[in-house]
Amino acid sequence: MFWADRVVEDIAKSAKPGQKLVVRDEKTASGRVHIGSMRGVAIHGVVTRVLNERGFNAEYLYEINDFDPMDGIPAELPTADWEQYLGLPLCTVPSPDGKAKNFAEYYAGEFEGVIKDAGFDPKYYRASELYISGKMNDAIRIALKNAGEIRRIYFEVSGSKKEDTWLPVSMVCEKCGKIGTTQAHGFDGEKVYYKCIAGAGGAKGCGHEGGASPFNGGGKLPWKVEWPAKWQVLDVAVEGAGKDHSTKGGARDVAEHISREVFKHEPPHNIPYEFFLDSEGRKMSASKGRGVSSREIADNFPPIIFRLALIGKDPNQQFIIDPVGETLLTLYDWHDKLAEKFWAKAGDEDARLFEIVYDNHPPLQRFLPRFSTVAFVLQMEHLTLEDEFGAIKGDVLTDDEKADLKERAHYAGIWLRHYAPDKYKFTLARDAIPEAARALTDEQKQALLKVRTFIKESGILNGPKLHEALHNIKKETGIPANAFFAAIYLAFLGRDSGPQAGWFLSTLDKEFLLGRLAEVT
């Protein structure tokens, strides 16, 4: 069963068809959004779609958190120019380009574009809207009146001990406007009393001491209290979280206790999900300098392949999504296998995934050019894409097939220029024998001599037939497969690996082919 169908089966156990179900996710717009944040976007988006398929009235809300304090400066911005804004709510920090409404909107705009490219269309709202509109007022009052209970939960669930005067609110300083530098120490039912001292990331307070209303945007709840407050305020039914938050004693555990014990609200259905990995199998982490922005991935992956990467694996599985390495090649091969299953009406979870990837509008059956072969042909100056793939197909390419080929060639070109491992980069040695080919063994030379004799006498330069002949020669001579095929590639490419050998030799000019085989033997 496809993972989203299984998740919806679980949700359906406690929900009724036709019931309105709010699915929610959020991201703090404090800089360029890391690709890891797209996993939550995709999981919640697909679950919403399947819930609606099953007859529920599901709505996907996505929060751009613009009310958190600026607690760090993105690497692309000069520290000296931006440190003055540390501690301010992101929605009051100016935009880096001077055009967007504020700092948060600048980065949110880019991220929303990535979400759209991936085929998702949630209903967006801003955290500042929740606070300033007064929708969070009741939750703030409940949290402040139950500060002791919240301190107890923090300690019992996560081991975090708060001072007896600690209150679950950060006030917007009336003097400097910062929210990340204030420390609340008293509440009289209407006003919170605080000091503006210092905050995370080196934010400096102004020293002001005062009291003000925490309502209507005057203050905000700390994350582990804010999270369950939003569940209650928005009546959230489904909201997953990364594995790191979903462990015992983690943020989700704390939030669920606060939800039940303070806000008297049943927490939403959780979907714990794993991390994306980089090309070396490490967790992609912006804070640790590993991984890339969601925009970079979206720009280097075709939309459908990007979507497949986001939703193809079960949420509890890690997955490599990195333009560096073989990820794109692997994803294209996976896509094509899913297509074959769908077109063959397999009816299994692979076919279901293909349908979901195309948002219920899968393409009609057609020839799909293999991505690795497209990448190779692009590097062979004597070959043209349409002619070569028409020959591989055995017929003229349709308009849809030409469009597929053009798209794959575009992304293969980017991949080869910037991200492909060296083993996928080839140059045909037309002018002279590659130096590496001069070290062929007598066994390899004898095998290549038989290849030359076969081609010269039979005149066969058909890929499949030549492929069969190569295997017969290998068997006849008894040469190990790796030594035999390495000899072919060394003779023409100067390296010991390459594409499918029979097809490769069939693309070469016959006179050049025979001449090179004669030279190396």
Protein backbone atom coordinates (compact mmCIF):
# COMPACT_ATOMS: atom_id res chain seq x y z
CA MET A 1 0.00 0.00 0.00
CA PHE A 2 1.28 3.46 -0.93
CA TRP A 3 2.38 5.25 2.24
CA ALA A 4 -0.15 8.10 1.99
CA ASP A 5 -3.03 5.62 1.64
CA ARG A 6 -1.80 3.90 4.80
CA VAL A 7 -1.59 7.21 6.70
CA VAL A 8 -5.11 8.13 5.63
CA GLU A 9 -6.35 4.69 6.73
CA ASP A 10 -5.06 5.51 10.22
CA ILE A 11 -6.62 8.98 10.21
CA ALA A 12 -9.95 7.55 9.03
CA LYS A 13 -10.19 5.40 12.17
CA SER A 14 -11.04 8.48 14.22
CA ALA A 15 -12.65 10.71 11.57
CA LYS A 16 -15.88 10.61 9.61
CA PRO A 17 -16.35 11.03 5.83
CA GLY A 18 -17.22 14.62 5.00
CA GLN A 19 -15.62 15.89 8.21
CA LYS A 20 -13.48 19.01 7.85
CA LEU A 21 -9.87 18.15 8.62
CA VAL A 22 -7.19 20.83 8.88
CA VAL A 23 -3.74 19.68 7.78
CA ARG A 24 -1.00 22.09 8.83
CA ASP A 25 2.72 22.71 8.43
CA GLU A 26 4.94 25.75 8.92
CA LYS A 27 8.34 27.26 8.28
CA THR A 28 10.11 30.22 9.87
CA ALA A 29 11.19 32.56 7.07
CA SER A 30 14.56 33.49 8.55
CA GLY A 31 16.65 32.89 5.40
CA ARG A 32 16.80 30.78 2.25
CA VAL A 33 14.77 27.69 3.03
CA HIS A 34 16.71 24.44 3.15
CA ILE A 35 15.53 21.54 0.97
CA GLY A 36 14.78 19.51 4.10
CA SER A 37 11.72 21.68 4.75
CA MET A 38 10.18 20.46 1.51
CA ARG A 39 9.67 16.97 2.91
CA GLY A 40 7.06 18.23 5.35
CA VAL A 41 5.44 20.29 2.58
CA ALA A 42 5.15 17.25 0.33
CA ILE A 43 3.98 14.78 2.98
CA HIS A 44 1.21 17.08 4.19
CA GLY A 45 0.27 18.01 0.61
CA VAL A 46 -0.12 14.41 -0.54
CA VAL A 47 -2.00 13.38 2.62
CA THR A 48 -4.43 16.27 2.03
CA ARG A 49 -5.01 15.10 -1.52
CA VAL A 50 -5.67 11.49 -0.49
CA LEU A 51 -7.97 12.59 2.35
CA ASN A 52 -10.08 14.49 -0.16
CA GLU A 53 -10.06 11.46 -2.46
CA ARG A 54 -11.50 9.45 0.43
CA GLY A 55 -14.40 11.86 0.94
CA PHE A 56 -13.05 14.08 3.70
CA ASN A 57 -13.12 17.86 3.57
CA ALA A 58 -9.39 18.43 4.07
CA GLU A 59 -7.75 21.85 3.97
CA TYR A 60 -3.98 22.30 3.87
CA LEU A 61 -2.81 25.35 5.82
CA TYR A 62 0.80 26.46 5.59
CA GLU A 63 2.18 29.01 8.00
CA ILE A 64 5.00 31.34 7.16
CA ASN A 65 6.26 32.16 10.63
CA ASP A 66 7.23 35.81 10.41
CA PHE A 67 6.78 36.66 14.08
CA ASP A 68 9.80 34.79 15.40
CA PRO A 69 12.81 36.97 16.27
CA MET A 70 15.71 37.28 13.88
CA ASP A 71 18.28 35.14 15.71
CA GLY A 72 20.88 34.74 12.99
CA ILE A 73 22.13 36.38 9.82
CA PRO A 74 22.03 34.40 6.54
CA ALA A 75 25.48 33.69 5.13
CA GLU A 76 24.83 35.73 1.99
CA LEU A 77 24.23 38.94 4.00
CA PRO A 78 27.02 41.08 5.54
CA THR A 79 26.99 40.71 9.31
CA ALA A 80 27.95 44.34 9.95
CA ASP A 81 24.87 45.61 8.10
CA TRP A 82 22.36 43.23 9.65
CA GLU A 83 23.36 42.63 13.26
CA GLN A 84 21.37 45.74 14.28
CA TYR A 85 18.18 43.81 13.47
CA LEU A 86 18.90 40.77 15.64
CA GLY A 87 16.05 40.21 18.07
CA LEU A 88 13.39 42.01 16.03
CA PRO A 89 10.34 40.11 14.75
CA LEU A 90 11.13 38.98 11.21
CA CYS A 91 8.09 40.85 9.90
CA THR A 92 9.62 44.16 11.06
CA VAL A 93 13.10 43.57 9.57
CA PRO A 94 13.61 45.21 6.15
CA SER A 95 13.84 43.10 3.03
CA PRO A 96 17.34 42.34 1.73
CA ASP A 97 16.36 43.53 -1.75
CA GLY A 98 14.44 46.60 -0.59
CA LYS A 99 11.42 45.43 -2.61
CA ALA A 100 9.60 42.81 -0.57
CA LYS A 101 7.36 43.93 2.29
CA ASN A 102 9.86 42.72 4.88
CA PHE A 103 12.65 40.24 5.57
CA ALA A 104 10.30 37.28 6.04
CA GLU A 105 8.35 38.01 2.86
CA TYR A 106 11.57 38.15 0.84
CA TYR A 107 12.51 34.57 1.74
CA ALA A 108 8.91 33.33 1.91
CA GLY A 109 8.32 34.42 -1.68
CA GLU A 110 11.16 32.26 -2.95
CA PHE A 111 10.00 29.27 -0.90
CA GLU A 112 6.39 29.58 -2.02
CA GLY A 113 7.67 29.48 -5.60
CA VAL A 114 9.47 26.20 -4.88
CA ILE A 115 6.31 24.75 -3.33
CA LYS A 116 4.38 25.70 -6.46
CA ASP A 117 7.04 24.13 -8.70
CA ALA A 118 6.63 20.88 -6.75
CA GLY A 119 2.90 20.86 -7.50
CA PHE A 120 1.49 21.84 -4.11
CA ASP A 121 -0.96 24.65 -3.40
CA PRO A 122 -1.58 25.11 0.34
CA LYS A 123 -3.50 28.01 1.82
CA TYR A 124 -0.88 30.37 3.26
CA TYR A 125 -1.14 32.54 6.32
CA ARG A 126 1.36 34.46 8.47
CA ALA A 127 2.04 33.93 12.18
CA SER A 128 1.95 37.70 12.70
CA GLU A 129 -1.66 37.68 11.44
CA LEU A 130 -2.66 35.17 14.12
CA TYR A 131 -1.16 37.28 16.89
CA ILE A 132 -2.09 40.79 15.72
CA SER A 133 -5.67 39.78 14.87
CA GLY A 134 -6.21 38.56 18.42
CA LYS A 135 -6.77 34.93 17.46
CA MET A 136 -3.98 33.88 19.82
CA ASN A 137 -5.22 35.99 22.75
CA ASP A 138 -7.14 33.24 24.57
CA ALA A 139 -4.22 30.82 24.17
CA ILE A 140 -1.79 33.40 25.53
CA ARG A 141 -4.01 34.02 28.55
CA ILE A 142 -4.40 30.28 29.22
CA ALA A 143 -0.64 29.75 28.93
CA LEU A 144 0.18 32.62 31.31
CA LYS A 145 -2.38 31.47 33.88
CA ASN A 146 -0.93 27.96 33.69
CA ALA A 147 2.73 28.94 33.66
CA GLY A 148 3.44 26.66 36.60
CA GLU A 149 1.92 23.68 34.82
CA ILE A 150 3.96 24.43 31.72
CA ARG A 151 7.16 24.67 33.74
CA ARG A 152 6.30 21.28 35.31
CA ILE A 153 5.69 19.70 31.88
CA TYR A 154 8.98 21.06 30.53
CA PHE A 155 10.84 19.47 33.42
CA GLU A 156 8.98 16.16 33.63
CA VAL A 157 8.87 15.49 29.89
CA SER A 158 12.17 16.91 28.64
CA GLY A 159 14.23 17.60 31.76
CA SER A 160 14.30 21.33 31.06
CA LYS A 161 14.10 23.27 34.34
CA LYS A 162 12.74 26.81 34.27
CA GLU A 163 13.07 29.41 37.00
CA ASP A 164 9.97 29.88 39.19
CA THR A 165 9.51 33.37 37.70
CA TRP A 166 9.73 32.17 34.09
CA LEU A 167 6.66 32.91 32.01
CA PRO A 168 5.80 31.36 28.61
CA VAL A 169 5.80 34.60 26.64
CA SER A 170 8.23 36.91 24.85
CA MET A 171 7.12 40.53 24.84
CA VAL A 172 7.68 43.05 22.07
CA CYS A 173 9.79 45.71 23.78
CA GLU A 174 7.89 49.01 23.83
CA LYS A 175 11.13 50.94 23.39
CA CYS A 176 13.26 49.05 20.82
CA GLY A 177 10.64 46.76 19.25
CA LYS A 178 12.67 43.61 19.80
CA ILE A 179 10.98 40.37 20.80
CA GLY A 180 13.97 38.08 21.13
CA THR A 181 15.63 40.02 23.94
CA THR A 182 12.85 40.33 26.52
CA GLN A 183 12.47 38.24 29.66
CA ALA A 184 9.02 38.20 31.28
CA HIS A 185 8.79 37.89 35.05
CA GLY A 186 5.26 38.89 36.07
CA PHE A 187 1.63 38.86 34.89
CA ASP A 188 -1.27 40.65 36.60
CA GLY A 189 -4.00 39.34 34.36
CA GLU A 190 -3.71 42.11 31.79
CA LYS A 191 -0.08 43.18 31.61
CA VAL A 192 3.17 41.23 31.44
CA TYR A 193 6.19 42.78 33.16
CA TYR A 194 9.54 42.26 31.48
CA LYS A 195 13.13 43.36 31.03
CA CYS A 196 14.81 43.86 27.64
CA ILE A 197 18.23 42.32 28.21
CA ALA A 198 19.67 39.99 25.53
CA GLY A 199 18.67 37.19 23.21
CA ALA A 200 19.83 34.37 20.96
CA GLY A 201 22.40 34.92 18.23
CA GLY A 202 24.02 37.86 19.98
CA ALA A 203 20.91 40.06 19.97
CA LYS A 204 21.33 42.99 22.33
CA GLY A 205 18.53 44.37 24.48
CA CYS A 206 18.00 48.06 25.17
CA GLY A 207 17.70 47.68 28.96
CA HIS A 208 14.11 48.88 29.11
CA GLU A 209 11.93 47.58 31.94
CA GLY A 210 8.18 47.86 31.75
CA GLY A 211 4.80 46.25 31.53
CA ALA A 212 2.48 45.89 28.54
CA SER A 213 -0.38 43.82 27.21
CA PRO A 214 0.75 40.54 25.62
CA PHE A 215 -2.38 40.46 23.45
CA ASN A 216 -3.00 41.55 19.85
CA GLY A 217 0.64 41.20 18.87
CA GLY A 218 2.15 42.55 22.07
CA GLY A 219 3.86 39.24 22.78
CA LYS A 220 4.31 35.71 21.50
CA LEU A 221 4.50 32.25 23.01
CA PRO A 222 7.73 30.19 22.98
CA TRP A 223 7.77 27.52 20.30
CA LYS A 224 6.94 24.47 22.41
CA VAL A 225 3.91 26.29 23.82
CA GLU A 226 3.03 28.11 20.60
CA TRP A 227 2.88 24.85 18.67
CA PRO A 228 0.05 23.26 20.70
CA ALA A 229 -1.65 26.66 20.99
CA LYS A 230 -1.92 26.80 17.21
CA TRP A 231 -3.32 23.26 17.15
CA GLN A 232 -6.11 24.46 19.41
CA VAL A 233 -6.68 27.83 17.72
CA LEU A 234 -6.79 26.36 14.20
CA ASP A 235 -8.34 23.01 15.24
CA VAL A 236 -5.55 21.10 13.49
CA ALA A 237 -6.30 17.43 12.74
CA VAL A 238 -3.07 16.37 11.01
CA GLU A 239 0.45 17.70 11.48
CA GLY A 240 3.62 15.69 11.18
CA ALA A 241 7.10 16.55 12.38
CA GLY A 242 10.69 15.58 11.68
CA LYS A 243 12.09 12.57 13.48
CA ASP A 244 14.28 14.75 15.70
CA HIS A 245 11.19 16.48 17.10
CA SER A 246 9.20 13.27 17.48
CA THR A 247 11.47 11.43 19.91
CA LYS A 248 10.54 10.80 23.56
CA GLY A 249 11.20 14.01 25.46
CA GLY A 250 11.47 15.96 22.22
CA ALA A 251 9.56 19.07 21.17
CA ARG A 252 6.56 17.10 19.92
CA ASP A 253 6.31 15.16 23.17
CA VAL A 254 6.37 18.38 25.19
CA ALA A 255 3.83 20.01 22.87
CA GLU A 256 1.42 17.08 23.10
CA HIS A 257 1.48 17.17 26.92
CA ILE A 258 0.84 20.91 26.91
CA SER A 259 -1.95 20.45 24.37
CA ARG A 260 -3.78 17.90 26.49
CA GLU A 261 -3.03 19.23 29.97
CA VAL A 262 -3.10 23.00 29.43
CA PHE A 263 -5.18 23.68 26.32
CA LYS A 264 -7.44 20.62 26.80
CA HIS A 265 -7.09 19.79 23.12
CA GLU A 266 -6.30 16.42 21.57
CA PRO A 267 -3.07 16.74 19.55
CA PRO A 268 -3.29 16.24 15.79
CA HIS A 269 -2.36 12.99 14.06
CA ASN A 270 1.43 12.87 13.83
CA ILE A 271 3.42 11.73 10.80
CA PRO A 272 7.04 11.46 11.94
CA TYR A 273 9.38 11.74 8.99
CA GLU A 274 13.05 11.13 8.30
CA PHE A 275 15.65 13.50 6.91
CA PHE A 276 16.92 14.04 3.41
CA LEU A 277 20.57 13.08 2.91
CA ASP A 278 23.32 14.60 0.81
CA SER A 279 25.30 12.70 -1.83
CA GLU A 280 27.62 11.30 0.85
CA GLY A 281 24.76 9.92 2.93
CA ARG A 282 24.87 12.63 5.62
CA LYS A 283 21.87 14.51 6.96
CA MET A 284 21.40 17.69 4.97
CA SER A 285 21.75 20.49 7.48
CA ALA A 286 21.87 24.20 6.77
CA SER A 287 23.24 24.88 10.25
CA LYS A 288 26.13 22.47 9.66
CA GLY A 289 26.88 23.79 6.21
CA ARG A 290 25.69 20.63 4.42
CA GLY A 291 22.99 20.53 1.81
CA VAL A 292 21.43 23.10 -0.45
CA SER A 293 18.48 25.44 -0.59
CA SER A 294 15.12 24.25 -1.85
CA ARG A 295 15.40 26.73 -4.72
CA GLU A 296 18.68 25.23 -5.93
CA ILE A 297 17.19 21.74 -6.01
CA ALA A 298 14.06 22.97 -7.79
CA ASP A 299 16.19 24.73 -10.40
CA ASN A 300 18.27 21.63 -11.12
CA PHE A 301 15.59 18.93 -11.01
CA PRO A 302 12.70 18.73 -13.51
CA PRO A 303 9.38 19.42 -11.71
CA ILE A 304 8.07 15.84 -11.97
CA ILE A 305 11.39 14.34 -10.88
CA PHE A 306 11.56 16.85 -8.01
CA ARG A 307 8.06 15.80 -6.95
CA LEU A 308 8.99 12.11 -7.16
CA ALA A 309 12.00 12.72 -4.92
CA LEU A 310 9.81 14.46 -2.35
CA ILE A 311 6.99 11.93 -2.10
CA GLY A 312 8.38 8.69 -3.49
CA LYS A 313 9.74 7.20 -0.29
CA ASP A 314 7.88 6.31 2.88
CA PRO A 315 8.21 9.18 5.42
CA ASN A 316 10.14 6.89 7.78
CA GLN A 317 12.85 6.33 5.16
CA GLN A 318 15.84 8.57 4.59
CA PHE A 319 16.49 9.58 1.00
CA ILE A 320 19.31 11.24 -0.94
CA ILE A 321 18.25 14.43 -2.70
CA ASP A 322 21.31 16.27 -3.91
CA PRO A 323 22.23 17.57 -7.38
CA VAL A 324 25.77 16.33 -6.76
CA GLY A 325 26.33 12.67 -7.63
CA GLU A 326 23.98 10.14 -9.19
CA THR A 327 20.69 11.24 -7.62
CA LEU A 328 19.16 12.73 -10.77
CA LEU A 329 20.15 9.74 -12.87
CA THR A 330 18.71 7.34 -10.27
CA LEU A 331 15.48 9.30 -10.02
CA TYR A 332 14.95 9.27 -13.79
CA ASP A 333 15.49 5.51 -13.92
CA TRP A 334 13.05 5.09 -11.04
CA HIS A 335 10.48 7.30 -12.78
CA ASP A 336 10.74 5.24 -15.96
CA LYS A 337 10.26 1.95 -14.11
CA LEU A 338 7.19 3.37 -12.37
CA ALA A 339 5.85 4.46 -15.76
CA GLU A 340 6.28 0.97 -17.19
CA LYS A 341 4.35 -0.50 -14.26
CA PHE A 342 1.56 2.05 -14.55
CA TRP A 343 1.20 1.57 -18.29
CA ALA A 344 1.19 -2.20 -17.79
CA LYS A 345 -1.75 -1.70 -15.36
CA ALA A 346 0.16 -3.39 -12.55
CA GLY A 347 -2.19 -1.92 -9.95
CA ASP A 348 0.51 -2.03 -7.25
CA GLU A 349 1.94 0.73 -5.06
CA ASP A 350 4.48 1.66 -7.75
CA ALA A 351 1.67 2.31 -10.21
CA ARG A 352 -0.18 4.25 -7.52
CA LEU A 353 2.92 6.36 -6.83
CA PHE A 354 3.23 7.21 -10.53
CA GLU A 355 -0.39 8.34 -10.54
CA ILE A 356 0.14 10.50 -7.43
CA VAL A 357 3.34 12.01 -8.83
CA TYR A 358 1.34 13.22 -11.83
CA ASP A 359 -1.51 14.40 -9.58
CA ASN A 360 -3.97 11.99 -11.19
CA HIS A 361 -3.08 13.08 -14.74
CA PRO A 362 -0.42 10.55 -15.79
CA PRO A 363 0.93 10.75 -19.37
CA LEU A 364 -0.08 8.31 -22.08
CA GLN A 365 2.32 5.47 -22.85
CA ARG A 366 5.34 6.46 -24.88
CA PHE A 367 9.04 5.81 -25.41
CA LEU A 368 11.21 7.28 -22.65
CA PRO A 369 14.88 8.02 -23.43
CA ARG A 370 17.12 6.76 -20.65
CA PHE A 371 18.75 9.69 -18.86
CA SER A 372 22.25 8.18 -18.68
CA THR A 373 22.17 7.54 -22.41
CA VAL A 374 20.99 11.09 -23.08
CA ALA A 375 23.93 12.36 -21.03
CA PHE A 376 26.35 10.21 -23.03
CA VAL A 377 24.97 11.19 -26.44
CA LEU A 378 25.25 14.87 -25.51
CA GLN A 379 29.01 14.37 -25.16
CA MET A 380 29.45 12.63 -28.52
CA GLU A 381 29.82 15.34 -31.15
CA HIS A 382 29.19 12.90 -33.98
CA LEU A 383 25.71 12.02 -32.68
CA THR A 384 22.40 13.91 -32.78
CA LEU A 385 19.83 13.29 -30.07
CA GLU A 386 16.68 12.84 -32.16
CA ASP A 387 18.37 10.58 -34.72
CA GLU A 388 20.02 8.43 -32.10
CA PHE A 389 16.95 7.94 -29.95
CA GLY A 390 14.79 7.38 -33.00
CA ALA A 391 17.17 4.53 -33.85
CA ILE A 392 16.98 3.18 -30.30
CA LYS A 393 13.19 3.36 -30.37
CA GLY A 394 13.09 1.89 -33.87
CA ASP A 395 10.71 4.55 -35.12
CA VAL A 396 10.31 8.29 -35.52
CA LEU A 397 9.86 10.10 -32.21
CA THR A 398 6.45 11.62 -31.51
CA ASP A 399 6.08 15.26 -30.47
CA ASP A 400 5.66 14.21 -26.81
CA GLU A 401 8.76 12.03 -27.03
CA LYS A 402 10.73 14.88 -28.57
CA ALA A 403 9.60 17.14 -25.71
CA ASP A 404 10.70 14.52 -23.14
CA LEU A 405 14.05 14.21 -24.88
CA LYS A 406 14.54 17.98 -24.97
CA GLU A 407 13.78 18.29 -21.24
CA ARG A 408 16.11 15.43 -20.31
CA ALA A 409 18.87 16.87 -22.48
CA HIS A 410 18.49 20.24 -20.75
CA TYR A 411 18.86 18.80 -17.26
CA ALA A 412 21.54 16.34 -18.35
CA GLY A 413 23.56 19.28 -19.63
CA ILE A 414 23.30 21.07 -16.27
CA TRP A 415 24.16 17.85 -14.45
CA LEU A 416 27.23 17.18 -16.59
CA ARG A 417 28.52 20.74 -16.24
CA HIS A 418 28.14 21.06 -12.49
CA TYR A 419 27.22 17.90 -10.61
CA ALA A 420 27.96 14.62 -12.42
CA PRO A 421 30.71 12.31 -11.14
CA ASP A 422 33.70 12.03 -13.45
CA LYS A 423 32.76 8.47 -14.43
CA TYR A 424 29.84 9.88 -16.44
CA LYS A 425 31.95 12.37 -18.37
CA PHE A 426 33.28 11.08 -21.69
CA THR A 427 35.29 12.34 -24.63
CA LEU A 428 35.67 10.25 -27.77
CA ALA A 429 39.38 10.00 -28.60
CA ARG A 430 39.15 10.57 -32.34
CA ASP A 431 42.63 11.76 -33.21
CA ALA A 432 44.91 9.30 -31.46
CA ILE A 433 44.94 6.15 -29.38
CA PRO A 434 44.33 7.08 -25.71
CA GLU A 435 47.48 6.68 -23.66
CA ALA A 436 45.65 4.28 -21.30
CA ALA A 437 44.92 1.93 -24.22
CA ARG A 438 48.62 1.31 -24.78
CA ALA A 439 48.69 -0.86 -21.68
CA LEU A 440 46.17 -3.45 -22.99
CA THR A 441 47.15 -7.03 -22.29
CA ASP A 442 47.66 -9.61 -25.03
CA GLU A 443 44.40 -11.26 -23.92
CA GLN A 444 42.52 -7.99 -24.34
CA LYS A 445 44.11 -7.31 -27.74
CA GLN A 446 43.17 -10.78 -29.02
CA ALA A 447 39.57 -10.24 -27.92
CA LEU A 448 39.42 -6.85 -29.67
CA LEU A 449 40.93 -8.38 -32.79
CA LYS A 450 38.03 -10.85 -32.87
CA VAL A 451 35.59 -7.96 -32.48
CA ARG A 452 37.21 -6.24 -35.47
CA THR A 453 37.10 -9.40 -37.55
CA PHE A 454 33.41 -9.93 -36.76
CA ILE A 455 32.46 -6.36 -37.73
CA LYS A 456 34.56 -6.37 -40.89
CA GLU A 457 33.28 -9.72 -42.13
CA SER A 458 29.63 -9.36 -41.09
CA GLY A 459 29.24 -5.65 -41.64
CA ILE A 460 26.91 -5.58 -38.61
CA LEU A 461 26.67 -2.27 -36.79
CA ASN A 462 23.29 -2.85 -35.21
CA GLY A 463 23.34 -2.23 -31.46
CA PRO A 464 21.40 -5.29 -30.17
CA LYS A 465 23.09 -7.68 -32.63
CA LEU A 466 26.51 -6.25 -31.88
CA HIS A 467 25.78 -6.55 -28.17
CA GLU A 468 24.98 -10.24 -28.64
CA ALA A 469 28.13 -10.75 -30.71
CA LEU A 470 30.31 -9.14 -28.03
CA HIS A 471 29.01 -11.54 -25.41
CA ASN A 472 29.64 -14.49 -27.73
CA ILE A 473 33.23 -13.32 -28.29
CA LYS A 474 33.74 -12.90 -24.56
CA LYS A 475 32.49 -16.41 -23.96
CA GLU A 476 34.53 -17.86 -26.82
CA THR A 477 37.81 -16.27 -25.69
CA GLY A 478 37.23 -16.88 -21.98
CA ILE A 479 38.32 -13.34 -21.13
CA PRO A 480 36.80 -11.96 -17.91
CA ALA A 481 33.90 -9.59 -18.60
CA ASN A 482 35.45 -6.63 -16.81
CA ALA A 483 38.71 -6.96 -18.77
CA PHE A 484 36.89 -7.37 -22.10
CA PHE A 485 34.58 -4.38 -21.82
CA ALA A 486 37.29 -2.24 -20.23
CA ALA A 487 39.42 -2.88 -23.33
CA ILE A 488 36.65 -1.54 -25.58
CA TYR A 489 36.22 1.63 -23.55
CA LEU A 490 39.96 2.19 -23.17
CA ALA A 491 40.41 1.98 -26.93
CA PHE A 492 37.86 4.69 -27.68
CA LEU A 493 37.35 6.71 -24.51
CA GLY A 494 40.64 6.29 -22.65
CA ARG A 495 38.85 4.96 -19.56
CA ASP A 496 37.69 1.58 -18.34
CA SER A 497 33.94 2.22 -18.24
CA GLY A 498 31.25 3.54 -20.55
CA PRO A 499 27.72 3.02 -21.87
CA GLN A 500 26.26 -0.25 -23.15
CA ALA A 501 29.09 -1.49 -25.37
CA GLY A 502 27.17 -2.88 -28.33
CA TRP A 503 25.11 0.28 -28.72
CA PHE A 504 28.19 2.48 -28.26
CA LEU A 505 30.20 0.75 -30.99
CA SER A 506 27.18 0.88 -33.30
CA THR A 507 27.18 4.69 -33.11
CA LEU A 508 30.72 4.97 -34.49
CA ASP A 509 31.70 5.45 -38.10
CA LYS A 510 32.61 2.01 -39.45
CA GLU A 511 35.95 3.04 -40.95
CA PHE A 512 36.96 4.85 -37.76
CA LEU A 513 35.86 1.87 -35.68
CA LEU A 514 37.83 -0.67 -37.71
CA GLY A 515 40.85 1.60 -37.89
CA ARG A 516 41.01 2.14 -34.14
CA LEU A 517 40.61 -1.57 -33.41
CA ALA A 518 43.45 -2.27 -35.82
CA GLU A 519 45.65 0.33 -34.15
CA VAL A 520 45.18 -0.97 -30.61
CA THR A 521 45.64 -4.64 -31.57
